[in-house]
């Protein structure tokens, strides 16, 4: 671990980011053009004290999970992210691991979408990053582990995961998730990560087996669905999916489909996170 070089790199990357790039207001009393340490800590989901120790070269070796969170918070490019891992004494993520870190360009798009809920997902449905509006709408979905990382696995194995959608839409959502997974299997033929996930789903869910055996294939591009929120009720949303050229990551944007949903979303943004139970939190020290 190259503590001094790591500290210098983190300080310089923090100073290079304008607050507006990450959705933070640039107030008149701000003394620096870059981010404050407490802002990096907030974006990465770690303590301010640990950020200070990292930047002063006094920290213990950060975990790969924490480095991934820092990469997203500091909007690092793929090359910068790999450099960060090297400085911290870790190998950069391999191809599969890299796909689990949201691409810097997509994260910047999240920042610019502002009050429009949006999230970055892997091609297996793991949520890699969310903007504030998305977290308010569905809770923090970035902290799951193992097979629970994948939306399709939670959908077929955890009944509570369907609570955010009305029962009349469950069959449609199930078919869509399975058809999209089938398309991913076709693109990543022989990939043990994908085939293993399918095998485990088949072994634990009769409903998944039923739909998988139907052999429907459909890449998720655009859809309309209802999200049920515990505070503001049902929102009818149009879902638009933008896919990266290698088809390993996608940006999902959710926009209100009618005036009622627009009003409910506006109310939700005003209410903020108070009393809203989010899920697993981001990486911490």
C-alpha atoms as a PDB file:
ATOM      1  CA  UNK A   1       0.000   0.000   0.000  1.00  0.00           C
ATOM      2  CA  UNK A   2       1.471   3.358  -1.084  1.00  0.00           C
ATOM      3  CA  UNK A   3       0.017   5.590   1.627  1.00  0.00           C
ATOM      4  CA  UNK A   4       1.587   8.897   0.593  1.00  0.00           C
ATOM      5  CA  UNK A   5       0.736   8.462  -3.088  1.00  0.00           C
ATOM      6  CA  UNK A   6      -2.788   7.311  -2.193  1.00  0.00           C
ATOM      7  CA  UNK A   7      -3.281  10.345   0.050  1.00  0.00           C
ATOM      8  CA  UNK A   8      -2.033  12.733  -2.642  1.00  0.00           C
ATOM      9  CA  UNK A   9      -4.230  11.157  -5.327  1.00  0.00           C
ATOM     10  CA  UNK A  10      -7.356  11.367  -3.170  1.00  0.00           C
ATOM     11  CA  UNK A  11      -6.689  14.995  -2.220  1.00  0.00           C
ATOM     12  CA  UNK A  12      -6.160  16.005  -5.846  1.00  0.00           C
ATOM     13  CA  UNK A  13      -9.236  14.172  -7.124  1.00  0.00           C
ATOM     14  CA  UNK A  14     -11.382  15.726  -4.385  1.00  0.00           C
ATOM     15  CA  UNK A  15     -10.113  19.194  -5.284  1.00  0.00           C
ATOM     16  CA  UNK A  16     -10.812  18.623  -8.995  1.00  0.00           C
ATOM     17  CA  UNK A  17     -14.546  17.972  -8.603  1.00  0.00           C
ATOM     18  CA  UNK A  18     -16.958  20.880  -8.648  1.00  0.00           C
ATOM     19  CA  UNK A  19     -19.817  20.504  -6.136  1.00  0.00           C
ATOM     20  CA  UNK A  20     -22.404  20.945  -8.897  1.00  0.00           C
ATOM     21  CA  UNK A  21     -21.062  17.814 -10.629  1.00  0.00           C
ATOM     22  CA  UNK A  22     -22.317  15.696  -7.715  1.00  0.00           C
ATOM     23  CA  UNK A  23     -25.521  17.613  -7.042  1.00  0.00           C
ATOM     24  CA  UNK A  24     -24.210  19.808  -4.198  1.00  0.00           C
ATOM     25  CA  UNK A  25     -25.061  23.519  -4.175  1.00  0.00           C
ATOM     26  CA  UNK A  26     -22.044  25.796  -4.578  1.00  0.00           C
ATOM     27  CA  UNK A  27     -22.744  28.386  -1.875  1.00  0.00           C
ATOM     28  CA  UNK A  28     -21.144  31.859  -1.671  1.00  0.00           C
ATOM     29  CA  UNK A  29     -19.140  31.009   1.470  1.00  0.00           C
ATOM     30  CA  UNK A  30     -17.333  28.015  -0.012  1.00  0.00           C
ATOM     31  CA  UNK A  31     -13.568  28.541   0.272  1.00  0.00           C
ATOM     32  CA  UNK A  32     -12.496  25.804  -2.127  1.00  0.00           C
ATOM     33  CA  UNK A  33     -13.582  24.963  -5.656  1.00  0.00           C
ATOM     34  CA  UNK A  34     -13.547  21.247  -4.932  1.00  0.00           C
ATOM     35  CA  UNK A  35     -15.422  19.017  -2.524  1.00  0.00           C
ATOM     36  CA  UNK A  36     -15.063  19.122   1.237  1.00  0.00           C
ATOM     37  CA  UNK A  37     -13.958  15.997   3.067  1.00  0.00           C
ATOM     38  CA  UNK A  38     -17.342  15.672   4.740  1.00  0.00           C
ATOM     39  CA  UNK A  39     -18.995  15.750   1.306  1.00  0.00           C
ATOM     40  CA  UNK A  40     -16.786  12.923   0.043  1.00  0.00           C
ATOM     41  CA  UNK A  41     -17.617  10.983   3.209  1.00  0.00           C
ATOM     42  CA  UNK A  42     -21.336  11.516   2.637  1.00  0.00           C
ATOM     43  CA  UNK A  43     -21.146  10.444  -1.026  1.00  0.00           C
ATOM     44  CA  UNK A  44     -19.048   7.358  -0.232  1.00  0.00           C
ATOM     45  CA  UNK A  45     -21.001   6.329   2.883  1.00  0.00           C
ATOM     46  CA  UNK A  46     -18.057   6.384   5.283  1.00  0.00           C
ATOM     47  CA  UNK A  47     -16.918   8.457   8.267  1.00  0.00           C
ATOM     48  CA  UNK A  48     -15.296  11.856   7.831  1.00  0.00           C
ATOM     49  CA  UNK A  49     -12.528  10.744  10.193  1.00  0.00           C
ATOM     50  CA  UNK A  50     -11.580   7.896   7.873  1.00  0.00           C
ATOM     51  CA  UNK A  51     -11.466  10.229   4.849  1.00  0.00           C
ATOM     52  CA  UNK A  52      -9.157  12.524   6.831  1.00  0.00           C
ATOM     53  CA  UNK A  53      -6.864   9.640   7.761  1.00  0.00           C
ATOM     54  CA  UNK A  54      -6.784   8.434   4.142  1.00  0.00           C
ATOM     55  CA  UNK A  55      -5.793  11.898   2.925  1.00  0.00           C
ATOM     56  CA  UNK A  56      -3.138  12.202   5.639  1.00  0.00           C
ATOM     57  CA  UNK A  57      -1.620   8.789   4.927  1.00  0.00           C
ATOM     58  CA  UNK A  58      -2.538   7.447   8.383  1.00  0.00           C
ATOM     59  CA  UNK A  59      -5.242   4.937   7.491  1.00  0.00           C
ATOM     60  CA  UNK A  60      -5.330   1.179   7.541  1.00  0.00           C
ATOM     61  CA  UNK A  61      -5.589  -0.519   4.149  1.00  0.00           C
ATOM     62  CA  UNK A  62      -9.041   0.250   2.709  1.00  0.00           C
ATOM     63  CA  UNK A  63     -11.164  -2.673   1.544  1.00  0.00           C
ATOM     64  CA  UNK A  64     -12.090  -3.186  -2.098  1.00  0.00           C
ATOM     65  CA  UNK A  65     -15.708  -2.361  -1.209  1.00  0.00           C
ATOM     66  CA  UNK A  66     -14.641   0.953   0.279  1.00  0.00           C
ATOM     67  CA  UNK A  67     -12.450   1.702  -2.760  1.00  0.00           C
ATOM     68  CA  UNK A  68     -15.428   1.084  -5.022  1.00  0.00           C
ATOM     69  CA  UNK A  69     -17.468   3.569  -2.984  1.00  0.00           C
ATOM     70  CA  UNK A  70     -14.674   6.148  -3.207  1.00  0.00           C
ATOM     71  CA  UNK A  71     -14.418   5.601  -6.961  1.00  0.00           C
ATOM     72  CA  UNK A  72     -18.098   6.438  -7.351  1.00  0.00           C
ATOM     73  CA  UNK A  73     -17.946   9.401  -4.956  1.00  0.00           C
ATOM     74  CA  UNK A  74     -14.941  10.932  -6.743  1.00  0.00           C
ATOM     75  CA  UNK A  75     -16.318  10.148 -10.231  1.00  0.00           C
ATOM     76  CA  UNK A  76     -13.147   8.287 -11.226  1.00  0.00           C
ATOM     77  CA  UNK A  77     -12.643   7.053 -14.757  1.00  0.00           C
ATOM     78  CA  UNK A  78     -11.865   3.360 -15.289  1.00  0.00           C
ATOM     79  CA  UNK A  79      -8.121   4.105 -15.455  1.00  0.00           C
ATOM     80  CA  UNK A  80      -8.247   6.288 -12.345  1.00  0.00           C
ATOM     81  CA  UNK A  81     -10.199   3.613 -10.487  1.00  0.00           C
ATOM     82  CA  UNK A  82      -7.604   0.959 -11.370  1.00  0.00           C
ATOM     83  CA  UNK A  83      -4.838   3.344 -10.213  1.00  0.00           C
ATOM     84  CA  UNK A  84      -6.655   3.833  -6.904  1.00  0.00           C
ATOM     85  CA  UNK A  85      -6.788   0.077  -6.356  1.00  0.00           C
ATOM     86  CA  UNK A  86      -3.055  -0.258  -7.126  1.00  0.00           C
ATOM     87  CA  UNK A  87      -2.121   2.526  -4.695  1.00  0.00           C
ATOM     88  CA  UNK A  88      -4.200   0.857  -1.974  1.00  0.00           C
ATOM     89  CA  UNK A  89      -2.399  -2.456  -2.506  1.00  0.00           C
ATOM     90  CA  UNK A  90      -5.236  -4.301  -4.263  1.00  0.00           C
ATOM     91  CA  UNK A  91      -5.582  -5.769  -7.716  1.00  0.00           C
ATOM     92  CA  UNK A  92      -8.044  -3.795  -9.850  1.00  0.00           C
ATOM     93  CA  UNK A  93     -11.358  -5.595 -10.312  1.00  0.00           C
ATOM     94  CA  UNK A  94     -11.377  -8.189 -13.115  1.00  0.00           C
ATOM     95  CA  UNK A  95     -13.883  -7.970 -15.954  1.00  0.00           C
ATOM     96  CA  UNK A  96     -16.804  -9.183 -13.828  1.00  0.00           C
ATOM     97  CA  UNK A  97     -15.797  -7.030 -10.883  1.00  0.00           C
ATOM     98  CA  UNK A  98     -15.382  -3.980 -13.096  1.00  0.00           C
ATOM     99  CA  UNK A  99     -18.922  -4.463 -14.355  1.00  0.00           C
ATOM    100  CA  UNK A 100     -20.031  -4.164 -10.729  1.00  0.00           C
ATOM    101  CA  UNK A 101     -18.625  -0.643 -10.454  1.00  0.00           C
ATOM    102  CA  UNK A 102     -20.837   1.953 -12.109  1.00  0.00           C
ATOM    103  CA  UNK A 103     -19.116   3.606 -15.041  1.00  0.00           C
ATOM    104  CA  UNK A 104     -18.040   7.162 -14.319  1.00  0.00           C
ATOM    105  CA  UNK A 105     -19.988   8.567 -17.271  1.00  0.00           C
ATOM    106  CA  UNK A 106     -23.200   6.964 -16.071  1.00  0.00           C
ATOM    107  CA  UNK A 107     -22.691   8.274 -12.549  1.00  0.00           C
ATOM    108  CA  UNK A 108     -22.260  11.786 -13.954  1.00  0.00           C
ATOM    109  CA  UNK A 109     -25.541  11.371 -15.809  1.00  0.00           C
ATOM    110  CA  UNK A 110     -27.191  10.394 -12.520  1.00  0.00           C
ATOM    111  CA  UNK A 111     -25.983  13.650 -10.994  1.00  0.00           C
ATOM    112  CA  UNK A 112     -27.390  15.710 -13.852  1.00  0.00           C
ATOM    113  CA  UNK A 113     -30.822  14.082 -13.724  1.00  0.00           C
ATOM    114  CA  UNK A 114     -31.497  15.852 -10.425  1.00  0.00           C
ATOM    115  CA  UNK A 115     -35.066  15.244  -9.276  1.00  0.00           C
ATOM    116  CA  UNK A 116     -35.693  12.482 -11.828  1.00  0.00           C
ATOM    117  CA  UNK A 117     -35.237   9.024 -10.232  1.00  0.00           C
ATOM    118  CA  UNK A 118     -32.472   7.119 -12.001  1.00  0.00           C
ATOM    119  CA  UNK A 119     -30.141   4.225 -11.268  1.00  0.00           C
ATOM    120  CA  UNK A 120     -27.297   2.284 -12.854  1.00  0.00           C
ATOM    121  CA  UNK A 121     -27.661  -1.497 -13.059  1.00  0.00           C
ATOM    122  CA  UNK A 122     -25.473  -4.333 -14.250  1.00  0.00           C
ATOM    123  CA  UNK A 123     -26.783  -6.624 -16.980  1.00  0.00           C
ATOM    124  CA  UNK A 124     -27.771  -9.052 -14.202  1.00  0.00           C
ATOM    125  CA  UNK A 125     -29.887  -6.456 -12.442  1.00  0.00           C
ATOM    126  CA  UNK A 126     -27.539  -5.463  -9.632  1.00  0.00           C
ATOM    127  CA  UNK A 127     -28.025  -1.830  -8.630  1.00  0.00           C
ATOM    128  CA  UNK A 128     -24.595  -0.181  -8.869  1.00  0.00           C
ATOM    129  CA  UNK A 129     -25.528   3.437  -8.181  1.00  0.00           C
ATOM    130  CA  UNK A 130     -28.601   5.573  -7.509  1.00  0.00           C
ATOM    131  CA  UNK A 131     -29.320   9.276  -7.377  1.00  0.00           C
ATOM    132  CA  UNK A 132     -31.104  10.839  -4.415  1.00  0.00           C
ATOM    133  CA  UNK A 133     -34.527  10.749  -6.071  1.00  0.00           C
ATOM    134  CA  UNK A 134     -34.174   7.020  -6.728  1.00  0.00           C
ATOM    135  CA  UNK A 135     -33.212   6.331  -3.102  1.00  0.00           C
ATOM    136  CA  UNK A 136     -36.230   8.300  -1.909  1.00  0.00           C
ATOM    137  CA  UNK A 137     -38.480   6.323  -4.227  1.00  0.00           C
ATOM    138  CA  UNK A 138     -37.308   2.749  -3.583  1.00  0.00           C
ATOM    139  CA  UNK A 139     -34.755   2.916  -0.767  1.00  0.00           C
ATOM    140  CA  UNK A 140     -31.002   2.280  -1.006  1.00  0.00           C
ATOM    141  CA  UNK A 141     -30.555  -0.846  -3.124  1.00  0.00           C
ATOM    142  CA  UNK A 142     -26.747  -0.819  -3.427  1.00  0.00           C
ATOM    143  CA  UNK A 143     -25.696  -2.717  -0.296  1.00  0.00           C
ATOM    144  CA  UNK A 144     -26.870  -6.280  -0.966  1.00  0.00           C
ATOM    145  CA  UNK A 145     -24.476  -9.225  -1.009  1.00  0.00           C
ATOM    146  CA  UNK A 146     -24.309 -12.622  -2.679  1.00  0.00           C
ATOM    147  CA  UNK A 147     -27.287 -13.556  -4.842  1.00  0.00           C
ATOM    148  CA  UNK A 148     -29.342 -10.919  -3.030  1.00  0.00           C
ATOM    149  CA  UNK A 149     -27.510  -8.358  -5.174  1.00  0.00           C
ATOM    150  CA  UNK A 150     -29.652  -9.356  -8.138  1.00  0.00           C
ATOM    151  CA  UNK A 151     -33.171  -7.974  -8.404  1.00  0.00           C
ATOM    152  CA  UNK A 152     -34.373 -11.105 -10.182  1.00  0.00           C
ATOM    153  CA  UNK A 153     -33.166 -13.312  -7.302  1.00  0.00           C
ATOM    154  CA  UNK A 154     -34.839 -11.179  -4.630  1.00  0.00           C
ATOM    155  CA  UNK A 155     -38.031 -11.016  -6.693  1.00  0.00           C
ATOM    156  CA  UNK A 156     -38.408 -14.802  -6.813  1.00  0.00           C
ATOM    157  CA  UNK A 157     -37.089 -15.653  -3.343  1.00  0.00           C
ATOM    158  CA  UNK A 158     -38.168 -12.766  -1.074  1.00  0.00           C
ATOM    159  CA  UNK A 159     -41.940 -12.068  -1.068  1.00  0.00           C
ATOM    160  CA  UNK A 160     -41.329  -8.698   0.571  1.00  0.00           C
ATOM    161  CA  UNK A 161     -39.405  -7.489  -2.473  1.00  0.00           C
ATOM    162  CA  UNK A 162     -42.688  -7.300  -4.411  1.00  0.00           C
ATOM    163  CA  UNK A 163     -44.328  -4.907  -1.961  1.00  0.00           C
ATOM    164  CA  UNK A 164     -43.273  -1.892  -4.026  1.00  0.00           C
ATOM    165  CA  UNK A 165     -45.522  -3.029  -6.897  1.00  0.00           C
ATOM    166  CA  UNK A 166     -49.269  -3.765  -6.984  1.00  0.00           C
ATOM    167  CA  UNK A 167     -50.167  -7.497  -7.215  1.00  0.00           C
ATOM    168  CA  UNK A 168     -51.807  -7.076 -10.637  1.00  0.00           C
ATOM    169  CA  UNK A 169     -48.385  -6.196 -12.087  1.00  0.00           C
ATOM    170  CA  UNK A 170     -46.435  -9.082 -10.527  1.00  0.00           C
ATOM    171  CA  UNK A 171     -46.859 -11.507 -13.421  1.00  0.00           C
ATOM    172  CA  UNK A 172     -45.758  -8.917 -15.968  1.00  0.00           C
ATOM    173  CA  UNK A 173     -42.741  -7.977 -13.863  1.00  0.00           C
ATOM    174  CA  UNK A 174     -41.829 -11.644 -13.392  1.00  0.00           C
ATOM    175  CA  UNK A 175     -41.988 -12.386 -17.109  1.00  0.00           C
ATOM    176  CA  UNK A 176     -39.972  -9.281 -17.937  1.00  0.00           C
ATOM    177  CA  UNK A 177     -37.211 -10.098 -15.441  1.00  0.00           C
ATOM    178  CA  UNK A 178     -36.904 -13.677 -16.682  1.00  0.00           C
ATOM    179  CA  UNK A 179     -36.965 -12.706 -20.367  1.00  0.00           C
ATOM    180  CA  UNK A 180     -34.247 -10.105 -19.785  1.00  0.00           C
ATOM    181  CA  UNK A 181     -32.122 -12.637 -17.880  1.00  0.00           C
ATOM    182  CA  UNK A 182     -32.582 -15.088 -20.772  1.00  0.00           C
ATOM    183  CA  UNK A 183     -31.188 -12.440 -23.161  1.00  0.00           C
ATOM    184  CA  UNK A 184     -28.181 -11.929 -20.871  1.00  0.00           C
ATOM    185  CA  UNK A 185     -27.528 -15.674 -20.808  1.00  0.00           C
ATOM    186  CA  UNK A 186     -27.466 -15.637 -24.601  1.00  0.00           C
ATOM    187  CA  UNK A 187     -24.928 -12.793 -24.729  1.00  0.00           C
ATOM    188  CA  UNK A 188     -22.731 -14.287 -22.014  1.00  0.00           C
ATOM    189  CA  UNK A 189     -22.893 -17.911 -23.108  1.00  0.00           C
ATOM    190  CA  UNK A 190     -20.907 -20.189 -20.806  1.00  0.00           C
ATOM    191  CA  UNK A 191     -20.292 -17.482 -18.186  1.00  0.00           C
ATOM    192  CA  UNK A 192     -20.342 -19.346 -14.837  1.00  0.00           C
ATOM    193  CA  UNK A 193     -21.663 -16.266 -13.003  1.00  0.00           C
ATOM    194  CA  UNK A 194     -24.769 -16.236 -15.169  1.00  0.00           C
ATOM    195  CA  UNK A 195     -25.331 -19.984 -15.445  1.00  0.00           C
ATOM    196  CA  UNK A 196     -24.812 -20.360 -11.695  1.00  0.00           C
ATOM    197  CA  UNK A 197     -27.421 -17.715 -10.955  1.00  0.00           C
ATOM    198  CA  UNK A 198     -29.950 -19.407 -13.238  1.00  0.00           C
ATOM    199  CA  UNK A 199     -29.254 -22.789 -11.673  1.00  0.00           C
ATOM    200  CA  UNK A 200     -29.767 -21.500  -8.149  1.00  0.00           C
ATOM    201  CA  UNK A 201     -32.981 -19.745  -9.124  1.00  0.00           C
ATOM    202  CA  UNK A 202     -34.329 -22.899 -10.741  1.00  0.00           C
ATOM    203  CA  UNK A 203     -33.570 -24.880  -7.593  1.00  0.00           C
ATOM    204  CA  UNK A 204     -35.397 -22.537  -5.200  1.00  0.00           C
ATOM    205  CA  UNK A 205     -38.327 -21.107  -7.189  1.00  0.00           C
ATOM    206  CA  UNK A 206     -41.025 -23.088  -8.993  1.00  0.00           C
ATOM    207  CA  UNK A 207     -42.382 -19.817 -10.392  1.00  0.00           C
ATOM    208  CA  UNK A 208     -39.002 -19.013 -11.918  1.00  0.00           C
ATOM    209  CA  UNK A 209     -38.762 -22.530 -13.418  1.00  0.00           C
ATOM    210  CA  UNK A 210     -42.195 -22.092 -15.003  1.00  0.00           C
ATOM    211  CA  UNK A 211     -41.233 -18.854 -16.695  1.00  0.00           C
ATOM    212  CA  UNK A 212     -37.697 -19.950 -17.582  1.00  0.00           C
ATOM    213  CA  UNK A 213     -39.013 -23.046 -19.354  1.00  0.00           C
ATOM    214  CA  UNK A 214     -41.268 -20.802 -21.474  1.00  0.00           C
ATOM    215  CA  UNK A 215     -38.033 -19.550 -23.120  1.00  0.00           C
ATOM    216  CA  UNK A 216     -39.201 -15.969 -23.627  1.00  0.00           C
ATOM    217  CA  UNK A 217     -36.443 -13.505 -24.585  1.00  0.00           C
ATOM    218  CA  UNK A 218     -36.784  -9.723 -24.366  1.00  0.00           C
ATOM    219  CA  UNK A 219     -34.164  -7.105 -23.540  1.00  0.00           C
ATOM    220  CA  UNK A 220     -35.554  -4.489 -21.162  1.00  0.00           C
ATOM    221  CA  UNK A 221     -35.686  -1.152 -22.994  1.00  0.00           C
ATOM    222  CA  UNK A 222     -38.874   0.722 -22.113  1.00  0.00           C
ATOM    223  CA  UNK A 223     -41.793  -0.067 -19.869  1.00  0.00           C
ATOM    224  CA  UNK A 224     -44.500   1.453 -17.676  1.00  0.00           C
ATOM    225  CA  UNK A 225     -44.989   0.308 -14.095  1.00  0.00           C
ATOM    226  CA  UNK A 226     -46.477   1.363 -10.785  1.00  0.00           C
ATOM    227  CA  UNK A 227     -44.311   1.941  -7.725  1.00  0.00           C
ATOM    228  CA  UNK A 228     -46.094   1.918  -4.357  1.00  0.00           C
ATOM    229  CA  UNK A 229     -44.403   4.198  -1.830  1.00  0.00           C
ATOM    230  CA  UNK A 230     -45.262   3.980   1.902  1.00  0.00           C
ATOM    231  CA  UNK A 231     -45.591   7.760   2.264  1.00  0.00           C
ATOM    232  CA  UNK A 232     -47.028   9.133  -0.981  1.00  0.00           C
ATOM    233  CA  UNK A 233     -48.856   6.112  -2.408  1.00  0.00           C
ATOM    234  CA  UNK A 234     -48.854   4.771  -5.980  1.00  0.00           C
ATOM    235  CA  UNK A 235     -46.863   6.425  -8.761  1.00  0.00           C
ATOM    236  CA  UNK A 236     -47.314   5.438 -12.413  1.00  0.00           C
ATOM    237  CA  UNK A 237     -43.868   5.696 -14.004  1.00  0.00           C
ATOM    238  CA  UNK A 238     -42.417   5.384 -17.493  1.00  0.00           C
ATOM    239  CA  UNK A 239     -39.137   3.459 -17.447  1.00  0.00           C
ATOM    240  CA  UNK A 240     -36.539   4.157 -20.121  1.00  0.00           C
ATOM    241  CA  UNK A 241     -33.334   2.104 -20.309  1.00  0.00           C
ATOM    242  CA  UNK A 242     -30.089   3.294 -21.889  1.00  0.00           C
ATOM    243  CA  UNK A 243     -27.459   0.577 -22.395  1.00  0.00           C
ATOM    244  CA  UNK A 244     -23.675   0.934 -22.639  1.00  0.00           C
ATOM    245  CA  UNK A 245     -22.036  -0.257 -25.889  1.00  0.00           C
ATOM    246  CA  UNK A 246     -20.795  -3.493 -24.282  1.00  0.00           C
ATOM    247  CA  UNK A 247     -24.298  -4.091 -22.817  1.00  0.00           C
ATOM    248  CA  UNK A 248     -22.839  -4.759 -19.358  1.00  0.00           C
ATOM    249  CA  UNK A 249     -24.415  -1.724 -17.666  1.00  0.00           C
ATOM    250  CA  UNK A 250     -27.609   0.244 -18.127  1.00  0.00           C
ATOM    251  CA  UNK A 251     -29.025   3.544 -16.969  1.00  0.00           C
ATOM    252  CA  UNK A 252     -32.668   3.243 -15.920  1.00  0.00           C
ATOM    253  CA  UNK A 253     -34.590   6.538 -15.830  1.00  0.00           C
ATOM    254  CA  UNK A 254     -38.037   6.757 -14.198  1.00  0.00           C
ATOM    255  CA  UNK A 255     -40.323   9.621 -15.181  1.00  0.00           C
ATOM    256  CA  UNK A 256     -43.919  10.324 -14.027  1.00  0.00           C
ATOM    257  CA  UNK A 257     -46.444   9.029 -16.550  1.00  0.00           C
ATOM    258  CA  UNK A 258     -49.264  11.390 -15.503  1.00  0.00           C
ATOM    259  CA  UNK A 259     -49.977  14.526 -13.470  1.00  0.00           C
ATOM    260  CA  UNK A 260     -50.876  12.540 -10.353  1.00  0.00           C
ATOM    261  CA  UNK A 261     -47.517  10.738 -10.349  1.00  0.00           C
ATOM    262  CA  UNK A 262     -45.736  14.029 -10.998  1.00  0.00           C
ATOM    263  CA  UNK A 263     -47.395  15.599  -7.962  1.00  0.00           C
ATOM    264  CA  UNK A 264     -46.656  12.597  -5.741  1.00  0.00           C
ATOM    265  CA  UNK A 265     -42.997  12.564  -6.790  1.00  0.00           C
ATOM    266  CA  UNK A 266     -42.705  16.286  -6.060  1.00  0.00           C
ATOM    267  CA  UNK A 267     -44.162  15.678  -2.596  1.00  0.00           C
ATOM    268  CA  UNK A 268     -41.727  12.822  -1.992  1.00  0.00           C
ATOM    269  CA  UNK A 269     -38.769  15.034  -2.873  1.00  0.00           C
ATOM    270  CA  UNK A 270     -39.986  17.608  -0.353  1.00  0.00           C
ATOM    271  CA  UNK A 271     -40.498  15.019   2.388  1.00  0.00           C
ATOM    272  CA  UNK A 272     -36.955  13.742   1.929  1.00  0.00           C
ATOM    273  CA  UNK A 273     -35.603  10.742   3.781  1.00  0.00           C
ATOM    274  CA  UNK A 274     -37.249  11.464   7.130  1.00  0.00           C
ATOM    275  CA  UNK A 275     -39.035   8.357   8.431  1.00  0.00           C
ATOM    276  CA  UNK A 276     -38.354   6.484   5.180  1.00  0.00           C
ATOM    277  CA  UNK A 277     -36.792   3.039   5.838  1.00  0.00           C
ATOM    278  CA  UNK A 278     -33.961   2.581   3.368  1.00  0.00           C
ATOM    279  CA  UNK A 279     -32.313  -0.752   2.770  1.00  0.00           C
ATOM    280  CA  UNK A 280     -28.697  -1.754   3.182  1.00  0.00           C
ATOM    281  CA  UNK A 281     -26.361   1.229   3.380  1.00  0.00           C
ATOM    282  CA  UNK A 282     -23.347   1.987   1.237  1.00  0.00           C
ATOM    283  CA  UNK A 283     -19.858   0.770   2.098  1.00  0.00           C
ATOM    284  CA  UNK A 284     -18.520   2.012   5.419  1.00  0.00           C
ATOM    285  CA  UNK A 285     -15.206   1.930   7.110  1.00  0.00           C
END
